[in-house]
C-alpha atoms as a PDB file:
ATOM      1  CA  UNK A   1     -87.628  89.455  35.311  1.00  0.00           C
ATOM      2  CA  UNK A   2     -87.130  88.068  39.024  1.00  0.00           C
ATOM      3  CA  UNK A   3     -83.947  86.273  38.694  1.00  0.00           C
ATOM      4  CA  UNK A   4     -81.623  86.450  41.819  1.00  0.00           C
ATOM      5  CA  UNK A   5     -78.037  86.201  41.744  1.00  0.00           C
ATOM      6  CA  UNK A   6     -78.090  83.175  43.370  1.00  0.00           C
ATOM      7  CA  UNK A   7     -80.153  81.443  40.784  1.00  0.00           C
ATOM      8  CA  UNK A   8     -78.391  83.003  37.630  1.00  0.00           C
ATOM      9  CA  UNK A   9     -75.923  80.702  36.416  1.00  0.00           C
ATOM     10  CA  UNK A  10     -72.105  82.239  35.694  1.00  0.00           C
ATOM     11  CA  UNK A  11     -74.082  85.843  36.512  1.00  0.00           C
ATOM     12  CA  UNK A  12     -71.425  88.557  36.011  1.00  0.00           C
ATOM     13  CA  UNK A  13     -72.150  92.210  36.306  1.00  0.00           C
ATOM     14  CA  UNK A  14     -71.557  95.582  34.302  1.00  0.00           C
ATOM     15  CA  UNK A  15     -72.291  98.949  34.922  1.00  0.00           C
ATOM     16  CA  UNK A  16     -73.197 102.162  32.238  1.00  0.00           C
ATOM     17  CA  UNK A  17     -73.031 105.832  33.267  1.00  0.00           C
ATOM     18  CA  UNK A  18     -74.344 108.626  31.255  1.00  0.00           C
ATOM     19  CA  UNK A  19     -76.972 111.269  30.865  1.00  0.00           C
ATOM     20  CA  UNK A  20     -80.695 110.926  29.951  1.00  0.00           C
ATOM     21  CA  UNK A  21     -82.030 113.892  27.782  1.00  0.00           C
ATOM     22  CA  UNK A  22     -79.338 115.480  29.135  1.00  0.00           C
ATOM     23  CA  UNK A  23     -80.935 116.613  32.389  1.00  0.00           C
ATOM     24  CA  UNK A  24     -80.892 113.417  34.554  1.00  0.00           C
ATOM     25  CA  UNK A  25     -78.083 111.690  35.849  1.00  0.00           C
ATOM     26  CA  UNK A  26     -78.354 107.743  35.637  1.00  0.00           C
ATOM     27  CA  UNK A  27     -76.716 104.479  35.510  1.00  0.00           C
ATOM     28  CA  UNK A  28     -77.964 101.193  35.412  1.00  0.00           C
ATOM     29  CA  UNK A  29     -76.399  97.459  36.547  1.00  0.00           C
ATOM     30  CA  UNK A  30     -77.300  94.675  34.711  1.00  0.00           C
ATOM     31  CA  UNK A  31     -77.009  91.270  35.471  1.00  0.00           C
ATOM     32  CA  UNK A  32     -76.670  88.776  32.473  1.00  0.00           C
ATOM     33  CA  UNK A  33     -76.286  84.811  31.920  1.00  0.00           C
ATOM     34  CA  UNK A  34     -73.878  82.995  29.127  1.00  0.00           C
ATOM     35  CA  UNK A  35     -74.440  80.096  27.334  1.00  0.00           C
ATOM     36  CA  UNK A  36     -72.761  78.190  24.338  1.00  0.00           C
ATOM     37  CA  UNK A  37     -74.961  78.674  21.336  1.00  0.00           C
ATOM     38  CA  UNK A  38     -72.790  79.916  18.274  1.00  0.00           C
ATOM     39  CA  UNK A  39     -70.503  81.598  20.881  1.00  0.00           C
ATOM     40  CA  UNK A  40     -71.306  83.025  24.105  1.00  0.00           C
ATOM     41  CA  UNK A  41     -75.068  84.218  24.704  1.00  0.00           C
ATOM     42  CA  UNK A  42     -75.700  86.992  27.194  1.00  0.00           C
ATOM     43  CA  UNK A  43     -79.287  87.543  28.256  1.00  0.00           C
ATOM     44  CA  UNK A  44     -79.371  90.936  29.839  1.00  0.00           C
ATOM     45  CA  UNK A  45     -81.972  90.253  32.857  1.00  0.00           C
ATOM     46  CA  UNK A  46     -82.200  93.360  35.531  1.00  0.00           C
ATOM     47  CA  UNK A  47     -82.109  96.963  35.094  1.00  0.00           C
ATOM     48  CA  UNK A  48     -81.822  99.785  37.545  1.00  0.00           C
ATOM     49  CA  UNK A  49     -82.409 103.717  36.823  1.00  0.00           C
ATOM     50  CA  UNK A  50     -81.244 106.095  39.777  1.00  0.00           C
ATOM     51  CA  UNK A  51     -82.389 109.493  39.070  1.00  0.00           C
ATOM     52  CA  UNK A  52     -81.905 112.457  41.182  1.00  0.00           C
ATOM     53  CA  UNK A  53     -84.942 113.691  42.861  1.00  0.00           C
ATOM     54  CA  UNK A  54     -86.307 117.265  43.498  1.00  0.00           C
ATOM     55  CA  UNK A  55     -83.963 117.528  46.674  1.00  0.00           C
ATOM     56  CA  UNK A  56     -80.841 116.014  45.279  1.00  0.00           C
ATOM     57  CA  UNK A  57     -81.505 112.305  46.915  1.00  0.00           C
ATOM     58  CA  UNK A  58     -81.571 109.812  44.183  1.00  0.00           C
ATOM     59  CA  UNK A  59     -84.674 107.780  43.671  1.00  0.00           C
ATOM     60  CA  UNK A  60     -84.575 104.292  42.238  1.00  0.00           C
ATOM     61  CA  UNK A  61     -87.004 103.093  39.420  1.00  0.00           C
ATOM     62  CA  UNK A  62     -86.828  99.515  37.439  1.00  0.00           C
ATOM     63  CA  UNK A  63     -86.207 100.133  33.979  1.00  0.00           C
ATOM     64  CA  UNK A  64     -86.813  97.363  31.128  1.00  0.00           C
ATOM     65  CA  UNK A  65     -83.487  96.251  29.200  1.00  0.00           C
ATOM     66  CA  UNK A  66     -84.279  96.161  25.168  1.00  0.00           C
ATOM     67  CA  UNK A  67     -84.431  92.150  24.130  1.00  0.00           C
ATOM     68  CA  UNK A  68     -81.409  91.957  21.512  1.00  0.00           C
ATOM     69  CA  UNK A  69     -82.199  93.105  18.305  1.00  0.00           C
ATOM     70  CA  UNK A  70     -81.080  90.737  15.065  1.00  0.00           C
ATOM     71  CA  UNK A  71     -78.518  93.127  12.704  1.00  0.00           C
ATOM     72  CA  UNK A  72     -79.110  93.897   9.403  1.00  0.00           C
ATOM     73  CA  UNK A  73     -75.984  93.458   6.828  1.00  0.00           C
ATOM     74  CA  UNK A  74     -75.825  94.860   3.166  1.00  0.00           C
ATOM     75  CA  UNK A  75     -71.915  95.035   1.330  1.00  0.00           C
ATOM     76  CA  UNK A  76     -71.603  97.971  -0.768  1.00  0.00           C
ATOM     77  CA  UNK A  77     -68.447  97.743  -2.958  1.00  0.00           C
ATOM     78  CA  UNK A  78     -66.598 101.247  -4.549  1.00  0.00           C
ATOM     79  CA  UNK A  79     -63.841 101.700  -7.140  1.00  0.00           C
ATOM     80  CA  UNK A  80     -60.741 103.122  -5.451  1.00  0.00           C
ATOM     81  CA  UNK A  81     -58.982 103.937  -8.526  1.00  0.00           C
ATOM     82  CA  UNK A  82     -56.000 101.438  -7.375  1.00  0.00           C
ATOM     83  CA  UNK A  83     -55.084  99.128 -10.469  1.00  0.00           C
ATOM     84  CA  UNK A  84     -53.868  96.134  -7.190  1.00  0.00           C
ATOM     85  CA  UNK A  85     -56.575  96.576  -5.270  1.00  0.00           C
ATOM     86  CA  UNK A  86     -59.295  98.181  -7.546  1.00  0.00           C
ATOM     87  CA  UNK A  87     -62.295  97.351  -4.936  1.00  0.00           C
ATOM     88  CA  UNK A  88     -63.243  98.357  -1.443  1.00  0.00           C
ATOM     89  CA  UNK A  89     -65.602  96.349   0.084  1.00  0.00           C
ATOM     90  CA  UNK A  90     -67.794  97.810   2.918  1.00  0.00           C
ATOM     91  CA  UNK A  91     -69.783  95.524   5.290  1.00  0.00           C
ATOM     92  CA  UNK A  92     -72.597  97.821   6.916  1.00  0.00           C
ATOM     93  CA  UNK A  93     -74.359  96.151   9.980  1.00  0.00           C
ATOM     94  CA  UNK A  94     -77.102  97.886  11.941  1.00  0.00           C
ATOM     95  CA  UNK A  95     -79.939  97.549  13.974  1.00  0.00           C
ATOM     96  CA  UNK A  96     -78.347  95.124  16.630  1.00  0.00           C
ATOM     97  CA  UNK A  97     -78.626  95.467  20.156  1.00  0.00           C
ATOM     98  CA  UNK A  98     -76.605  94.307  22.780  1.00  0.00           C
ATOM     99  CA  UNK A  99     -73.620  96.213  21.095  1.00  0.00           C
ATOM    100  CA  UNK A 100     -71.228  92.838  21.033  1.00  0.00           C
ATOM    101  CA  UNK A 101     -70.591  91.728  17.504  1.00  0.00           C
ATOM    102  CA  UNK A 102     -68.413  89.831  15.434  1.00  0.00           C
ATOM    103  CA  UNK A 103     -67.664  90.466  11.617  1.00  0.00           C
ATOM    104  CA  UNK A 104     -65.776  88.386   9.858  1.00  0.00           C
ATOM    105  CA  UNK A 105     -64.431  88.632   6.240  1.00  0.00           C
ATOM    106  CA  UNK A 106     -64.393  85.271   3.890  1.00  0.00           C
ATOM    107  CA  UNK A 107     -63.081  84.947   0.160  1.00  0.00           C
ATOM    108  CA  UNK A 108     -64.531  81.482  -1.186  1.00  0.00           C
ATOM    109  CA  UNK A 109     -65.010  80.309   1.859  1.00  0.00           C
ATOM    110  CA  UNK A 110     -61.604  81.361   3.503  1.00  0.00           C
ATOM    111  CA  UNK A 111     -61.229  83.761   6.116  1.00  0.00           C
ATOM    112  CA  UNK A 112     -59.126  86.742   5.604  1.00  0.00           C
ATOM    113  CA  UNK A 113     -58.242  89.747   7.468  1.00  0.00           C
ATOM    114  CA  UNK A 114     -58.710  93.320   6.229  1.00  0.00           C
ATOM    115  CA  UNK A 115     -55.874  95.319   5.525  1.00  0.00           C
ATOM    116  CA  UNK A 116     -56.048  97.763   7.732  1.00  0.00           C
ATOM    117  CA  UNK A 117     -57.463  96.038  11.055  1.00  0.00           C
ATOM    118  CA  UNK A 118     -58.982  97.546  13.820  1.00  0.00           C
ATOM    119  CA  UNK A 119     -61.261  96.760  16.727  1.00  0.00           C
ATOM    120  CA  UNK A 120     -64.360  96.660  15.802  1.00  0.00           C
ATOM    121  CA  UNK A 121     -66.471  99.527  17.511  1.00  0.00           C
ATOM    122  CA  UNK A 122     -70.345  99.864  17.615  1.00  0.00           C
ATOM    123  CA  UNK A 123     -71.989 103.319  17.056  1.00  0.00           C
ATOM    124  CA  UNK A 124     -75.104 104.082  19.076  1.00  0.00           C
ATOM    125  CA  UNK A 125     -77.980 105.254  17.109  1.00  0.00           C
ATOM    126  CA  UNK A 126     -79.967 106.466  19.851  1.00  0.00           C
ATOM    127  CA  UNK A 127     -82.773 104.127  19.706  1.00  0.00           C
ATOM    128  CA  UNK A 128     -80.979 101.620  21.711  1.00  0.00           C
ATOM    129  CA  UNK A 129     -79.699  99.961  18.527  1.00  0.00           C
ATOM    130  CA  UNK A 130     -76.023 100.184  16.960  1.00  0.00           C
ATOM    131  CA  UNK A 131     -74.335 100.223  14.158  1.00  0.00           C
ATOM    132  CA  UNK A 132     -70.789  99.413  12.646  1.00  0.00           C
ATOM    133  CA  UNK A 133     -68.842  98.548   9.342  1.00  0.00           C
ATOM    134  CA  UNK A 134     -65.572  96.605   8.271  1.00  0.00           C
ATOM    135  CA  UNK A 135     -63.971  97.510   4.933  1.00  0.00           C
ATOM    136  CA  UNK A 136     -62.002  94.890   2.521  1.00  0.00           C
ATOM    137  CA  UNK A 137     -59.841  95.794   0.141  1.00  0.00           C
ATOM    138  CA  UNK A 138     -59.679  93.492  -3.018  1.00  0.00           C
ATOM    139  CA  UNK A 139     -58.926  92.473  -6.357  1.00  0.00           C
ATOM    140  CA  UNK A 140     -61.954  90.303  -7.574  1.00  0.00           C
ATOM    141  CA  UNK A 141     -61.762  88.229 -10.472  1.00  0.00           C
ATOM    142  CA  UNK A 142     -64.613  86.275 -12.437  1.00  0.00           C
ATOM    143  CA  UNK A 143     -65.679  83.439 -10.202  1.00  0.00           C
ATOM    144  CA  UNK A 144     -65.001  84.897  -6.706  1.00  0.00           C
ATOM    145  CA  UNK A 145     -67.737  85.220  -4.131  1.00  0.00           C
ATOM    146  CA  UNK A 146     -66.621  87.721  -0.610  1.00  0.00           C
ATOM    147  CA  UNK A 147     -68.954  86.930   2.040  1.00  0.00           C
ATOM    148  CA  UNK A 148     -69.161  89.049   5.158  1.00  0.00           C
ATOM    149  CA  UNK A 149     -69.965  86.990   8.132  1.00  0.00           C
ATOM    150  CA  UNK A 150     -71.960  88.427  11.329  1.00  0.00           C
ATOM    151  CA  UNK A 151     -71.845  86.885  14.596  1.00  0.00           C
ATOM    152  CA  UNK A 152     -74.427  88.271  17.066  1.00  0.00           C
ATOM    153  CA  UNK A 153     -76.388  87.199  20.439  1.00  0.00           C
ATOM    154  CA  UNK A 154     -79.730  87.199  18.515  1.00  0.00           C
ATOM    155  CA  UNK A 155     -79.208  84.853  16.276  1.00  0.00           C
ATOM    156  CA  UNK A 156     -78.648  81.107  16.209  1.00  0.00           C
ATOM    157  CA  UNK A 157     -76.018  80.921  13.300  1.00  0.00           C
ATOM    158  CA  UNK A 158     -73.817  83.621  11.597  1.00  0.00           C
ATOM    159  CA  UNK A 159     -75.703  86.161   9.292  1.00  0.00           C
ATOM    160  CA  UNK A 160     -73.933  86.002   5.901  1.00  0.00           C
ATOM    161  CA  UNK A 161     -74.019  88.383   3.106  1.00  0.00           C
ATOM    162  CA  UNK A 162     -72.080  87.577  -0.419  1.00  0.00           C
ATOM    163  CA  UNK A 163     -70.888  89.563  -3.057  1.00  0.00           C
ATOM    164  CA  UNK A 164     -69.645  88.674  -6.512  1.00  0.00           C
ATOM    165  CA  UNK A 165     -67.919  90.805  -8.822  1.00  0.00           C
ATOM    166  CA  UNK A 166     -70.059  91.862 -11.965  1.00  0.00           C
ATOM    167  CA  UNK A 167     -69.103  93.832 -14.997  1.00  0.00           C
ATOM    168  CA  UNK A 168     -66.305  96.375 -14.468  1.00  0.00           C
ATOM    169  CA  UNK A 169     -67.053 100.198 -14.520  1.00  0.00           C
ATOM    170  CA  UNK A 170     -65.768 100.958 -17.994  1.00  0.00           C
ATOM    171  CA  UNK A 171     -67.496  97.665 -19.628  1.00  0.00           C
ATOM    172  CA  UNK A 172     -71.178  99.026 -17.363  1.00  0.00           C
ATOM    173  CA  UNK A 173     -69.937 102.900 -18.705  1.00  0.00           C
ATOM    174  CA  UNK A 174     -69.979 101.717 -22.525  1.00  0.00           C
ATOM    175  CA  UNK A 175     -73.036  99.359 -21.944  1.00  0.00           C
ATOM    176  CA  UNK A 176     -74.943 102.389 -20.946  1.00  0.00           C
ATOM    177  CA  UNK A 177     -73.459 104.689 -23.478  1.00  0.00           C
ATOM    178  CA  UNK A 178     -74.395 102.514 -26.132  1.00  0.00           C
ATOM    179  CA  UNK A 179     -77.666 102.140 -24.651  1.00  0.00           C
ATOM    180  CA  UNK A 180     -78.206 105.646 -24.919  1.00  0.00           C
ATOM    181  CA  UNK A 181     -77.212 106.483 -28.462  1.00  0.00           C
ATOM    182  CA  UNK A 182     -79.516 103.549 -29.509  1.00  0.00           C
ATOM    183  CA  UNK A 183     -82.600 105.028 -27.921  1.00  0.00           C
ATOM    184  CA  UNK A 184     -81.436 108.241 -29.297  1.00  0.00           C
ATOM    185  CA  UNK A 185     -81.081 106.832 -32.422  1.00  0.00           C
ATOM    186  CA  UNK A 186     -84.826 105.662 -32.152  1.00  0.00           C
ATOM    187  CA  UNK A 187     -85.898 108.842 -31.264  1.00  0.00           C
ATOM    188  CA  UNK A 188     -84.753 110.578 -34.241  1.00  0.00           C
ATOM    189  CA  UNK A 189     -85.851 107.507 -36.569  1.00  0.00           C
ATOM    190  CA  UNK A 190     -89.377 108.059 -34.999  1.00  0.00           C
ATOM    191  CA  UNK A 191     -89.880 111.430 -35.329  1.00  0.00           C
ATOM    192  CA  UNK A 192     -88.156 111.638 -38.989  1.00  0.00           C
ATOM    193  CA  UNK A 193     -90.903 109.411 -40.011  1.00  0.00           C
ATOM    194  CA  UNK A 194     -93.694 111.150 -38.011  1.00  0.00           C
ATOM    195  CA  UNK A 195     -92.688 114.324 -39.722  1.00  0.00           C
ATOM    196  CA  UNK A 196     -92.479 112.886 -43.254  1.00  0.00           C
ATOM    197  CA  UNK A 197     -96.422 111.361 -42.635  1.00  0.00           C
ATOM    198  CA  UNK A 198     -97.317 114.686 -41.441  1.00  0.00           C
ATOM    199  CA  UNK A 199     -96.285 116.837 -44.548  1.00  0.00           C
ATOM    200  CA  UNK A 200     -99.544 117.394 -46.858  1.00  0.00           C
ATOM    201  CA  UNK A 201     -99.572 115.499 -49.989  1.00  0.00           C
ATOM    202  CA  UNK A 202     -97.729 116.947 -52.890  1.00  0.00           C
ATOM    203  CA  UNK A 203    -100.406 118.046 -56.318  1.00  0.00           C
ATOM    204  CA  UNK A 204     -98.609 117.323 -59.223  1.00  0.00           C
ATOM    205  CA  UNK A 205     -99.593 119.948 -62.157  1.00  0.00           C
ATOM    206  CA  UNK A 206    -102.031 117.970 -64.682  1.00  0.00           C
ATOM    207  CA  UNK A 207    -101.242 117.929 -68.676  1.00  0.00           C
ATOM    208  CA  UNK A 208    -103.838 119.051 -70.701  1.00  0.00           C
ATOM    209  CA  UNK A 209    -103.723 117.221 -74.003  1.00  0.00           C
ATOM    210  CA  UNK A 210    -104.398 119.350 -77.281  1.00  0.00           C
ATOM    211  CA  UNK A 211    -106.063 117.210 -80.191  1.00  0.00           C
ATOM    212  CA  UNK A 212    -104.419 118.435 -83.735  1.00  0.00           C
ATOM    213  CA  UNK A 213    -106.711 119.921 -86.165  1.00  0.00           C
ATOM    214  CA  UNK A 214    -107.022 119.171 -89.578  1.00  0.00           C
ATOM    215  CA  UNK A 215    -105.759 121.608 -92.430  1.00  0.00           C
ATOM    216  CA  UNK A 216    -108.633 123.760 -93.835  1.00  0.00           C
ATOM    217  CA  UNK A 217    -110.696 123.269 -90.899  1.00  0.00           C
ATOM    218  CA  UNK A 218    -111.183 126.527 -89.817  1.00  0.00           C
END
């Protein structure tokens, strides 16, 4: 992008070494600027690819560093079977670049720490984007709101995803069973009506009336 070390404020360098398509040994160095907009913002500026030539001598080709990509967020609740903490909330974050990301759980607006806190590690998807997830064990009650707050260099403000408890699992199952029974009962009723209307009409035998004859008329 044409920036030099001297003109780049608070510049620093980094290095990454790996494989390219399993055959080409490569490394690239980048310079990035930092700013203060909802935390430090890093902008990747320069990338250089060192590839092994046919004779073993490296050649240097510039490669583009992808622009920051905004993350996507989704909260997935799972029943744990534990009466004390019956629900595990997992905040899935994916599609972001660069890999540095901050994830915070909020309970009704207050910051809460996950029970099993581990440093957030982003997993490479293979297309320059990354994914990660952070879980929280909760015992929700009616009116609670749990929020997964994601801070990333591509965002001007934190990305928020809310979750609130709905019907409990047992109630949901009972509602589903009752609905199914109602549908089956209605189906049997309609089938009975159809069969009754499809039956041929019943013809009753006619009764012949005989006129009594007067005595001696024969």
